[in-house]
Amino acid sequence: MAPKSILGETWGASGALAVALAIEALRRSCVPAAPHGFLPAKEAVGLHVPRETLHRPMKNALILDRTDSGHQLGLVLSLVGLPMPDADILATLPWSYPSV
């Protein structure tokens, strides 16, 4: 997910927005596609960036954030304790959702 490429500069709210988007992705079992025309940096060659939305079960999300002043954040969110994804989404998956 690349929220800044969609939302632009959020002036300090990017970490909170990334957490909200990651929680929603975990809840929906959905990996959003990269924005149209997104090109990863040369250093990211080989990194899988989906060109279309993927629906698959997820248990964890990694959030990496860095400010202009040099502060860095690495946060792992896990599905433990959150409700299972919506039944209509689970019905579209070609495999069964793992029990938590």
Foldseek 3Di string as FASTA:
>chain_A
DDVCVVVPDPPPCVVVVVVVVVVVCQQAQKDAADPPPDDDDPVCPPPDGHNHMDRHHDFKDWDWDADPVGDIDIDMDGCPPPDHHDPVSQVPDPDHHDDD
